[in-house]
N, C-alpha and C. Protein backbone atom coordinates (compact mmCIF):
# COMPACT_ATOMS: atom_id res chain seq x y z
N MET A 1 126.46 164.52 38.61
CA MET A 1 126.10 163.31 38.98
C MET A 1 124.93 162.87 38.27
N TYR A 2 124.05 163.60 37.94
CA TYR A 2 122.91 163.41 37.22
C TYR A 2 123.06 162.80 35.68
N ASP A 3 124.19 163.33 35.26
CA ASP A 3 124.59 162.92 33.79
C ASP A 3 125.11 161.69 33.96
N LEU A 4 125.95 161.19 35.07
CA LEU A 4 126.71 160.12 35.25
C LEU A 4 125.94 158.98 35.43
N TYR A 5 124.62 159.26 36.30
CA TYR A 5 123.65 158.19 36.45
C TYR A 5 122.75 157.92 35.14
N PHE A 6 122.11 159.06 34.60
CA PHE A 6 121.10 158.85 33.72
C PHE A 6 121.73 158.70 32.21
N GLN A 7 122.94 159.29 31.96
CA GLN A 7 123.27 159.28 30.56
C GLN A 7 124.50 158.36 30.35
N GLN A 8 125.16 158.12 31.38
CA GLN A 8 126.30 157.30 31.46
C GLN A 8 126.10 155.91 32.03
N ASP A 9 124.79 155.85 32.76
CA ASP A 9 124.55 154.47 33.24
C ASP A 9 125.43 154.05 34.35
N LEU A 10 126.03 154.88 35.06
CA LEU A 10 126.86 154.46 36.43
C LEU A 10 126.04 154.35 37.55
N SER A 11 126.36 153.41 38.19
CA SER A 11 125.48 152.86 39.65
C SER A 11 125.69 153.93 40.71
N LEU A 12 124.87 154.13 41.60
CA LEU A 12 125.08 155.09 42.89
C LEU A 12 126.86 154.91 43.36
N GLY A 13 127.02 153.55 43.59
CA GLY A 13 128.27 153.45 44.24
C GLY A 13 129.64 153.77 43.28
N GLU A 14 129.42 153.61 42.01
CA GLU A 14 130.39 154.16 41.25
C GLU A 14 130.51 155.50 41.13
N ILE A 15 129.20 156.24 41.14
CA ILE A 15 129.33 157.70 41.19
C ILE A 15 130.07 158.34 42.64
N ALA A 16 129.72 157.66 43.47
CA ALA A 16 130.03 157.96 44.92
C ALA A 16 131.69 157.81 44.79
N GLN A 17 132.18 157.00 44.30
CA GLN A 17 133.41 156.54 44.25
C GLN A 17 134.27 157.77 43.35
N ILE A 18 133.74 157.96 42.35
CA ILE A 18 134.30 159.03 41.32
C ILE A 18 134.46 160.15 42.19
N LYS A 19 133.24 160.81 42.73
CA LYS A 19 133.01 162.11 43.38
C LYS A 19 133.51 162.20 44.72
N ASN A 20 133.93 161.01 45.15
CA ASN A 20 134.57 160.98 46.64
C ASN A 20 133.53 161.47 47.60
N VAL A 21 132.25 160.83 47.56
CA VAL A 21 131.13 161.27 48.55
C VAL A 21 130.28 160.00 48.77
N SER A 22 129.50 160.04 49.74
CA SER A 22 128.98 158.60 50.08
C SER A 22 127.62 158.34 49.00
N ARG A 23 127.31 157.02 49.12
CA ARG A 23 126.55 156.57 48.29
C ARG A 23 124.99 157.29 48.46
N ASN A 24 124.93 157.63 49.81
CA ASN A 24 123.64 158.30 50.14
C ASN A 24 123.41 159.71 49.64
N ALA A 25 124.85 160.41 49.68
CA ALA A 25 124.77 161.77 49.27
C ALA A 25 124.44 161.66 47.80
N VAL A 26 124.94 160.86 46.96
CA VAL A 26 124.63 160.93 45.56
C VAL A 26 123.05 160.41 45.36
N TYR A 27 122.50 159.55 46.02
CA TYR A 27 121.18 159.44 45.94
C TYR A 27 120.48 160.63 46.37
N ASP A 28 120.62 161.14 47.47
CA ASP A 28 119.95 162.56 47.73
C ASP A 28 120.08 163.56 46.51
N LEU A 29 121.20 163.57 46.18
CA LEU A 29 121.38 164.77 45.24
C LEU A 29 120.50 164.13 43.85
N LEU A 30 120.25 163.13 43.43
CA LEU A 30 119.49 162.74 42.28
C LEU A 30 118.17 162.98 42.72
N GLN A 31 117.88 162.53 43.84
CA GLN A 31 116.30 162.93 44.26
C GLN A 31 116.01 164.47 44.21
N ARG A 32 116.88 165.36 44.64
CA ARG A 32 116.55 166.89 44.57
C ARG A 32 116.52 167.24 43.06
N SER A 33 117.63 166.51 42.36
CA SER A 33 117.54 167.00 40.82
C SER A 33 116.38 166.50 40.46
N GLU A 34 115.81 165.46 40.35
CA GLU A 34 114.53 164.88 39.75
C GLU A 34 113.45 165.86 40.39
N GLU A 35 113.21 166.17 41.39
CA GLU A 35 112.20 166.84 41.94
C GLU A 35 112.32 168.40 41.40
N ALA A 36 113.67 168.84 41.11
CA ALA A 36 113.64 170.18 40.69
C ALA A 36 112.97 170.32 39.09
N LEU A 37 113.60 169.12 38.28
CA LEU A 37 113.36 169.09 37.16
C LEU A 37 111.72 168.63 36.84
N GLU A 38 111.05 168.01 37.96
CA GLU A 38 109.79 167.99 37.58
C GLU A 38 108.96 169.24 37.99
N SER A 39 109.54 169.94 38.89
CA SER A 39 109.06 171.48 39.20
C SER A 39 108.99 172.17 38.05
N TYR A 40 110.28 172.31 37.34
CA TYR A 40 110.44 172.93 36.06
C TYR A 40 109.41 172.51 34.86
N GLU A 41 109.30 171.30 34.87
CA GLU A 41 108.40 170.76 33.98
C GLU A 41 106.88 171.32 34.09
N GLU A 42 106.48 171.27 35.69
CA GLU A 42 105.18 171.67 35.67
C GLU A 42 104.96 173.07 35.42
N LYS A 43 106.08 173.79 35.62
CA LYS A 43 105.67 175.19 35.31
C LYS A 43 105.93 175.69 33.80
N LEU A 44 106.81 175.15 33.30
CA LEU A 44 107.14 175.23 31.67
C LEU A 44 106.26 174.40 30.80
N GLY A 45 105.78 173.20 31.02
CA GLY A 45 105.09 172.26 30.18
C GLY A 45 105.66 171.84 28.90
N LEU A 46 107.04 171.69 28.98
CA LEU A 46 107.92 171.45 27.78
C LEU A 46 107.68 170.05 27.30
N VAL A 47 107.27 169.17 28.11
CA VAL A 47 107.41 167.67 27.63
C VAL A 47 105.81 167.67 26.85
N GLY A 48 104.91 168.56 27.60
CA GLY A 48 103.54 168.41 27.14
C GLY A 48 103.57 169.05 25.58
N ARG A 49 104.25 169.97 25.59
CA ARG A 49 104.27 170.91 24.20
C ARG A 49 105.05 170.19 23.40
N HIS A 50 106.02 169.38 23.70
CA HIS A 50 106.73 168.49 22.87
C HIS A 50 106.01 167.39 22.31
N MET A 51 105.21 166.79 23.03
CA MET A 51 104.40 165.69 22.76
C MET A 51 102.98 166.46 21.72
N GLU A 52 102.62 167.41 22.00
CA GLU A 52 101.72 168.02 21.20
C GLU A 52 102.12 168.29 19.67
N ARG A 53 103.40 168.85 19.65
CA ARG A 53 104.16 169.04 18.42
C ARG A 53 104.42 167.59 17.72
N CYS A 54 104.72 166.48 18.34
CA CYS A 54 104.90 165.28 17.72
C CYS A 54 103.67 164.75 17.12
N ARG A 55 102.43 165.11 17.77
CA ARG A 55 101.16 164.56 17.36
C ARG A 55 100.75 165.43 16.13
N LEU A 56 101.07 166.56 16.18
CA LEU A 56 100.73 167.41 14.81
C LEU A 56 101.46 167.15 13.77
N VAL A 57 102.84 166.84 14.04
CA VAL A 57 103.69 166.48 13.01
C VAL A 57 103.06 165.13 12.43
N GLU A 58 102.84 164.11 13.05
CA GLU A 58 102.22 162.74 12.51
C GLU A 58 101.18 163.29 12.03
N ASN A 59 100.09 163.85 12.54
CA ASN A 59 99.09 164.21 11.61
C ASN A 59 99.28 164.86 10.28
N MET A 60 100.37 165.74 10.29
CA MET A 60 100.69 166.25 9.07
C MET A 60 101.22 165.33 7.96
N LYS A 61 101.95 164.06 8.59
CA LYS A 61 102.51 163.15 7.72
C LYS A 61 101.17 162.39 7.10
N VAL A 62 100.33 162.22 7.74
CA VAL A 62 99.22 161.34 7.33
C VAL A 62 98.42 162.12 6.27
N LYS A 63 98.14 163.35 6.57
CA LYS A 63 97.63 164.32 5.65
C LYS A 63 98.36 164.26 4.28
N LEU A 64 99.76 164.38 4.37
CA LEU A 64 100.65 164.69 3.34
C LEU A 64 100.51 163.34 2.66
N ALA A 65 100.78 162.11 3.17
CA ALA A 65 100.31 160.96 2.22
C ALA A 65 99.08 160.83 1.40
N SER A 66 97.93 161.44 2.04
CA SER A 66 96.80 161.49 1.30
C SER A 66 96.73 162.48 0.10
N LEU A 67 97.79 163.19 0.16
CA LEU A 67 97.71 164.11 -1.05
C LEU A 67 98.58 163.61 -2.37
N GLN A 68 98.92 162.36 -2.26
CA GLN A 68 99.80 161.62 -3.21
C GLN A 68 98.73 161.54 -4.36
N GLY A 69 98.83 161.86 -5.54
CA GLY A 69 98.19 161.79 -6.71
C GLY A 69 97.34 163.03 -6.79
N LYS A 70 97.27 163.79 -5.80
CA LYS A 70 96.38 164.87 -5.95
C LYS A 70 97.00 166.27 -6.09
N VAL A 71 98.27 166.24 -5.88
CA VAL A 71 99.20 167.36 -6.10
C VAL A 71 100.45 166.62 -6.86
N SER A 72 101.17 167.90 -7.51
CA SER A 72 102.29 167.37 -8.22
C SER A 72 103.26 166.69 -7.36
N PRO A 73 104.24 165.63 -7.66
CA PRO A 73 105.27 165.39 -6.97
C PRO A 73 106.30 166.21 -6.50
N ALA A 74 106.52 167.38 -7.13
CA ALA A 74 107.39 168.36 -6.77
C ALA A 74 107.02 168.97 -5.71
N GLU A 75 105.54 169.64 -5.56
CA GLU A 75 104.79 170.19 -4.44
C GLU A 75 104.79 169.30 -3.29
N LEU A 76 104.46 167.96 -3.49
CA LEU A 76 104.58 166.85 -2.37
C LEU A 76 106.09 166.80 -1.83
N TYR A 77 106.94 166.89 -2.57
CA TYR A 77 108.57 166.72 -1.96
C TYR A 77 108.75 167.97 -1.26
N ASN A 78 108.21 169.23 -1.83
CA ASN A 78 108.63 170.57 -1.09
C ASN A 78 107.73 170.64 0.12
N LEU A 79 106.66 170.15 0.28
CA LEU A 79 105.91 169.90 1.49
C LEU A 79 106.56 169.05 2.52
N GLN A 80 107.12 167.94 2.17
CA GLN A 80 107.80 166.82 3.02
C GLN A 80 109.10 167.64 3.53
N VAL A 81 109.71 168.39 2.60
CA VAL A 81 110.98 168.87 3.17
C VAL A 81 110.87 169.90 4.25
N ILE A 82 109.70 170.77 4.08
CA ILE A 82 109.38 171.53 5.00
C ILE A 82 108.99 171.01 6.52
N LEU A 83 108.09 169.73 6.16
CA LEU A 83 107.91 169.08 7.39
C LEU A 83 108.95 168.38 8.27
N ASP A 84 109.92 167.94 7.28
CA ASP A 84 111.15 167.61 8.03
C ASP A 84 111.86 168.67 8.83
N LYS A 85 112.00 169.74 8.07
CA LYS A 85 112.68 170.80 9.02
C LYS A 85 112.14 171.19 10.21
N ILE A 86 110.86 171.14 10.07
CA ILE A 86 109.99 171.43 11.27
C ILE A 86 110.30 170.57 12.51
N GLU A 87 110.42 169.15 11.98
CA GLU A 87 110.69 168.03 13.03
C GLU A 87 111.84 168.07 13.35
N LYS A 88 113.00 168.43 12.66
CA LYS A 88 114.40 168.36 13.14
C LYS A 88 114.56 169.71 13.73
N SER A 89 113.76 170.71 13.85
CA SER A 89 114.12 171.89 14.60
C SER A 89 114.03 171.97 16.02
N TRP A 90 113.36 170.81 16.64
CA TRP A 90 113.32 170.76 17.90
C TRP A 90 114.39 170.55 18.72
């Protein structure tokens, strides 16, 4: 139901009809799901860590841009490839 609501953008009524439950049951389940996810986030801190990684990558991009003309183009390219791999690995 969480996927149907947030990913597929269906309404509570549409989900209720598909799952053959009341609209209120869908709402209650979504509320409980959201509370569970918030609890997990509070314990794990995944969003905070992700935001910190994004900030660090952006800082690295700025520093990398400042190296233009100071290091060889090949070395600059190699550093950019490494940074891209780090960014895509999340």
